[in-house]
Amino acid sequence: MCLMRTWTRCSRHLKTGMIEVELFGQLAANGSMLSVIDLALPTTALRLAVHLKINQELVGIITIDGKQSQWTDKIYNGSRVCYFPYLAGG
C-alpha cells in the first residue's frame, strides 16, 4: 500500500485480472483502497462505480493510471482508478 497519497502509480505488482481503486474524501466511507477482481474487463469508470455502489453525483474527478478521465473511458487489467469528490471550501 502506498504510504503517501500522490498522483503517481504505486510500485507494487497487481495480480492478473485486478483493478486497484482508491477513494478520497467522503467517497472513502468504507475504506480508501480497494482491489476489484470480480468485474469483466475491459470496463468503464461508470460501470466500475456502479459495481462499487459509488454515488456518481459526489464524484468530481476520476483518474485512470494517473490521467484525468471521463465516465466512459476504458479500464483495463492492472489499472489504478481514483475517484475524488468535488472540492469545496472558502
N, C-alpha and C. Protein backbone atom coordinates (compact mmCIF):
# COMPACT_ATOMS: atom_id res chain seq x y z
N MET A 1 0.84 -1.17 0.00
CA MET A 1 0.00 0.00 0.00
C MET A 1 0.89 1.24 0.00
N CYS A 2 0.52 2.23 -0.78
CA CYS A 2 1.26 3.49 -0.81
C CYS A 2 1.10 4.18 0.54
N LEU A 3 2.18 4.68 1.09
CA LEU A 3 2.12 5.39 2.35
C LEU A 3 1.69 6.83 2.15
N MET A 4 2.02 7.41 1.01
CA MET A 4 1.66 8.80 0.73
C MET A 4 0.69 8.82 -0.44
N ARG A 5 -0.27 9.70 -0.38
CA ARG A 5 -1.20 9.85 -1.50
C ARG A 5 -0.57 10.79 -2.52
N THR A 6 -0.31 10.25 -3.68
CA THR A 6 0.30 11.03 -4.75
C THR A 6 -0.45 10.75 -6.04
N TRP A 7 -0.09 11.45 -7.07
CA TRP A 7 -0.70 11.23 -8.38
C TRP A 7 0.07 10.18 -9.15
N THR A 8 1.13 9.62 -8.58
CA THR A 8 1.91 8.61 -9.28
C THR A 8 1.43 7.22 -8.91
N ARG A 9 1.68 6.29 -9.76
CA ARG A 9 1.24 4.91 -9.58
C ARG A 9 2.05 4.23 -8.46
N CYS A 10 1.38 3.39 -7.69
CA CYS A 10 2.08 2.59 -6.67
C CYS A 10 3.00 1.62 -7.39
N SER A 11 4.10 1.26 -6.76
CA SER A 11 5.11 0.47 -7.44
C SER A 11 4.98 -1.03 -7.23
N ARG A 12 3.89 -1.49 -6.65
CA ARG A 12 3.77 -2.94 -6.44
C ARG A 12 3.08 -3.60 -7.63
N HIS A 13 3.29 -4.90 -7.77
CA HIS A 13 2.68 -5.65 -8.87
C HIS A 13 1.24 -6.00 -8.52
N LEU A 14 0.38 -5.98 -9.54
CA LEU A 14 -1.01 -6.37 -9.37
C LEU A 14 -1.22 -7.75 -9.98
N LYS A 15 -2.16 -8.49 -9.43
CA LYS A 15 -2.48 -9.81 -9.96
C LYS A 15 -3.24 -9.67 -11.27
N THR A 16 -3.17 -10.69 -12.10
CA THR A 16 -3.90 -10.70 -13.35
C THR A 16 -5.39 -10.56 -13.09
N GLY A 17 -6.04 -9.69 -13.85
CA GLY A 17 -7.48 -9.51 -13.71
C GLY A 17 -7.88 -8.65 -12.53
N MET A 18 -7.00 -7.79 -12.05
CA MET A 18 -7.31 -6.97 -10.88
C MET A 18 -7.23 -5.49 -11.22
N ILE A 19 -8.15 -4.73 -10.64
CA ILE A 19 -8.14 -3.28 -10.72
C ILE A 19 -7.93 -2.75 -9.31
N GLU A 20 -7.04 -1.79 -9.17
CA GLU A 20 -6.83 -1.14 -7.88
C GLU A 20 -7.64 0.15 -7.89
N VAL A 21 -8.45 0.34 -6.85
CA VAL A 21 -9.32 1.51 -6.75
C VAL A 21 -8.99 2.25 -5.47
N GLU A 22 -8.85 3.57 -5.57
CA GLU A 22 -8.64 4.38 -4.37
C GLU A 22 -9.72 5.46 -4.34
N LEU A 23 -10.34 5.60 -3.16
CA LEU A 23 -11.40 6.57 -2.95
C LEU A 23 -10.90 7.65 -2.01
N PHE A 24 -11.31 8.88 -2.25
CA PHE A 24 -10.84 10.01 -1.44
C PHE A 24 -12.02 10.74 -0.83
N GLY A 25 -11.76 11.46 0.27
CA GLY A 25 -12.76 12.30 0.92
C GLY A 25 -13.98 11.52 1.35
N GLN A 26 -15.15 12.10 1.12
CA GLN A 26 -16.41 11.48 1.55
C GLN A 26 -16.73 10.19 0.79
N LEU A 27 -16.04 9.93 -0.31
CA LEU A 27 -16.24 8.68 -1.05
C LEU A 27 -15.60 7.49 -0.34
N ALA A 28 -14.68 7.76 0.58
CA ALA A 28 -13.92 6.72 1.25
C ALA A 28 -14.56 6.24 2.55
N ALA A 29 -15.86 6.28 2.66
CA ALA A 29 -16.55 5.90 3.90
C ALA A 29 -16.28 4.45 4.30
N ASN A 30 -16.13 3.55 3.33
CA ASN A 30 -15.92 2.12 3.63
C ASN A 30 -14.48 1.69 3.40
N GLY A 31 -13.56 2.60 3.39
CA GLY A 31 -12.16 2.27 3.15
C GLY A 31 -11.67 2.94 1.89
N SER A 32 -10.43 3.38 1.90
CA SER A 32 -9.95 4.17 0.78
C SER A 32 -9.28 3.36 -0.32
N MET A 33 -8.80 2.15 -0.04
CA MET A 33 -8.09 1.36 -1.05
C MET A 33 -8.82 0.03 -1.23
N LEU A 34 -9.20 -0.25 -2.47
CA LEU A 34 -9.94 -1.48 -2.77
C LEU A 34 -9.27 -2.20 -3.93
N SER A 35 -9.41 -3.50 -3.98
CA SER A 35 -9.00 -4.29 -5.13
C SER A 35 -10.24 -4.96 -5.68
N VAL A 36 -10.44 -4.83 -6.99
CA VAL A 36 -11.62 -5.39 -7.63
C VAL A 36 -11.16 -6.50 -8.56
N ILE A 37 -11.65 -7.72 -8.32
CA ILE A 37 -11.25 -8.85 -9.15
C ILE A 37 -12.45 -9.54 -9.81
N ASP A 38 -13.67 -9.12 -9.47
CA ASP A 38 -14.86 -9.82 -9.95
C ASP A 38 -15.65 -9.01 -10.97
N LEU A 39 -14.94 -8.33 -11.87
CA LEU A 39 -15.59 -7.50 -12.87
C LEU A 39 -14.98 -7.81 -14.23
N ALA A 40 -15.83 -8.00 -15.23
CA ALA A 40 -15.34 -8.30 -16.58
C ALA A 40 -14.57 -7.10 -17.14
N LEU A 41 -13.41 -7.36 -17.72
CA LEU A 41 -12.55 -6.31 -18.26
C LEU A 41 -12.44 -6.47 -19.77
N PRO A 42 -12.27 -5.39 -20.53
CA PRO A 42 -12.23 -4.01 -20.06
C PRO A 42 -13.62 -3.54 -19.65
N THR A 43 -13.63 -2.50 -18.85
CA THR A 43 -14.87 -1.90 -18.38
C THR A 43 -14.73 -0.38 -18.46
N THR A 44 -15.69 0.35 -17.97
CA THR A 44 -15.61 1.81 -17.95
C THR A 44 -15.61 2.30 -16.50
N ALA A 45 -15.24 3.56 -16.32
CA ALA A 45 -15.26 4.15 -14.98
C ALA A 45 -16.68 4.17 -14.42
N LEU A 46 -17.67 4.35 -15.27
CA LEU A 46 -19.07 4.35 -14.82
C LEU A 46 -19.50 2.96 -14.36
N ARG A 47 -19.19 1.93 -15.13
CA ARG A 47 -19.56 0.56 -14.73
C ARG A 47 -18.87 0.16 -13.42
N LEU A 48 -17.61 0.57 -13.26
CA LEU A 48 -16.89 0.26 -12.03
C LEU A 48 -17.54 0.97 -10.84
N ALA A 49 -17.92 2.24 -11.01
CA ALA A 49 -18.58 2.98 -9.93
C ALA A 49 -19.90 2.34 -9.55
N VAL A 50 -20.67 1.91 -10.54
CA VAL A 50 -21.94 1.23 -10.25
C VAL A 50 -21.68 -0.08 -9.51
N HIS A 51 -20.68 -0.83 -9.95
CA HIS A 51 -20.32 -2.09 -9.30
C HIS A 51 -19.94 -1.88 -7.83
N LEU A 52 -19.25 -0.77 -7.55
CA LEU A 52 -18.80 -0.47 -6.18
C LEU A 52 -19.82 0.33 -5.38
N LYS A 53 -20.96 0.64 -6.01
CA LYS A 53 -22.04 1.41 -5.38
C LYS A 53 -21.56 2.79 -4.93
N ILE A 54 -20.80 3.44 -5.81
CA ILE A 54 -20.33 4.80 -5.57
C ILE A 54 -21.38 5.76 -6.13
N ASN A 55 -21.77 6.74 -5.34
CA ASN A 55 -22.73 7.74 -5.78
C ASN A 55 -22.05 8.66 -6.80
N GLN A 56 -22.44 8.54 -8.07
CA GLN A 56 -21.79 9.30 -9.14
C GLN A 56 -21.98 10.81 -8.98
N GLU A 57 -23.03 11.24 -8.30
CA GLU A 57 -23.26 12.67 -8.10
C GLU A 57 -22.22 13.31 -7.20
N LEU A 58 -21.51 12.49 -6.41
CA LEU A 58 -20.50 13.01 -5.50
C LEU A 58 -19.10 13.05 -6.12
N VAL A 59 -18.93 12.43 -7.29
CA VAL A 59 -17.61 12.32 -7.92
C VAL A 59 -17.33 13.56 -8.76
N GLY A 60 -16.20 14.22 -8.46
CA GLY A 60 -15.80 15.40 -9.21
C GLY A 60 -14.70 15.12 -10.21
N ILE A 61 -13.78 14.23 -9.85
CA ILE A 61 -12.64 13.90 -10.72
C ILE A 61 -12.43 12.39 -10.69
N ILE A 62 -12.13 11.84 -11.85
CA ILE A 62 -11.76 10.43 -11.98
C ILE A 62 -10.38 10.39 -12.63
N THR A 63 -9.48 9.57 -12.10
CA THR A 63 -8.21 9.34 -12.78
C THR A 63 -8.05 7.86 -13.03
N ILE A 64 -7.51 7.54 -14.19
CA ILE A 64 -7.17 6.16 -14.55
C ILE A 64 -5.69 6.16 -14.87
N ASP A 65 -4.93 5.41 -14.11
CA ASP A 65 -3.47 5.34 -14.26
C ASP A 65 -2.83 6.72 -14.26
N GLY A 66 -3.32 7.60 -13.35
CA GLY A 66 -2.72 8.90 -13.17
C GLY A 66 -3.18 9.98 -14.13
N LYS A 67 -4.08 9.66 -15.06
CA LYS A 67 -4.56 10.64 -16.03
C LYS A 67 -6.02 10.96 -15.76
N GLN A 68 -6.36 12.25 -15.76
CA GLN A 68 -7.75 12.63 -15.55
C GLN A 68 -8.60 12.02 -16.66
N SER A 69 -9.74 11.43 -16.28
CA SER A 69 -10.54 10.65 -17.20
C SER A 69 -12.02 11.00 -17.10
N GLN A 70 -12.79 10.44 -18.01
CA GLN A 70 -14.24 10.63 -18.05
C GLN A 70 -14.93 9.32 -17.67
N TRP A 71 -16.23 9.37 -17.45
CA TRP A 71 -17.00 8.18 -17.08
C TRP A 71 -16.94 7.09 -18.14
N THR A 72 -16.78 7.45 -19.39
CA THR A 72 -16.81 6.46 -20.48
C THR A 72 -15.43 5.92 -20.85
N ASP A 73 -14.38 6.39 -20.20
CA ASP A 73 -13.03 5.91 -20.51
C ASP A 73 -12.86 4.47 -20.06
N LYS A 74 -12.08 3.70 -20.83
CA LYS A 74 -11.88 2.28 -20.57
C LYS A 74 -10.88 2.03 -19.45
N ILE A 75 -11.16 0.96 -18.70
CA ILE A 75 -10.28 0.49 -17.63
C ILE A 75 -9.86 -0.93 -18.01
N TYR A 76 -8.56 -1.18 -17.97
CA TYR A 76 -8.02 -2.48 -18.35
C TYR A 76 -7.40 -3.18 -17.15
N ASN A 77 -7.03 -4.42 -17.34
CA ASN A 77 -6.38 -5.21 -16.31
C ASN A 77 -5.15 -4.49 -15.77
N GLY A 78 -5.03 -4.41 -14.45
CA GLY A 78 -3.88 -3.79 -13.80
C GLY A 78 -3.98 -2.29 -13.64
N SER A 79 -5.10 -1.70 -14.02
CA SER A 79 -5.26 -0.25 -13.91
C SER A 79 -5.44 0.19 -12.46
N ARG A 80 -5.08 1.44 -12.21
CA ARG A 80 -5.32 2.07 -10.91
C ARG A 80 -6.30 3.21 -11.15
N VAL A 81 -7.46 3.13 -10.50
CA VAL A 81 -8.53 4.10 -10.69
C VAL A 81 -8.75 4.85 -9.38
N CYS A 82 -8.82 6.19 -9.46
CA CYS A 82 -9.09 7.01 -8.29
C CYS A 82 -10.34 7.84 -8.53
N TYR A 83 -11.19 7.88 -7.53
CA TYR A 83 -12.39 8.72 -7.56
C TYR A 83 -12.23 9.78 -6.48
N PHE A 84 -12.38 11.05 -6.88
CA PHE A 84 -12.26 12.18 -5.98
C PHE A 84 -13.59 12.91 -5.89
N PRO A 85 -13.98 13.37 -4.71
CA PRO A 85 -15.21 14.17 -4.60
C PRO A 85 -14.97 15.58 -5.12
N TYR A 86 -16.05 16.31 -5.32
CA TYR A 86 -15.93 17.72 -5.67
C TYR A 86 -15.20 18.44 -4.54
N LEU A 87 -14.39 19.42 -4.90
CA LEU A 87 -13.69 20.21 -3.90
C LEU A 87 -14.56 21.38 -3.48
N ALA A 88 -14.53 21.68 -2.20
CA ALA A 88 -15.30 22.79 -1.67
C ALA A 88 -14.47 23.52 -0.63
N GLY A 89 -14.78 24.73 -0.43
CA GLY A 89 -14.05 25.50 0.58
C GLY A 89 -14.24 26.98 0.35
N GLY A 90 -13.63 27.73 1.20
CA GLY A 90 -13.85 29.16 1.08
C GLY A 90 -12.65 29.98 1.15
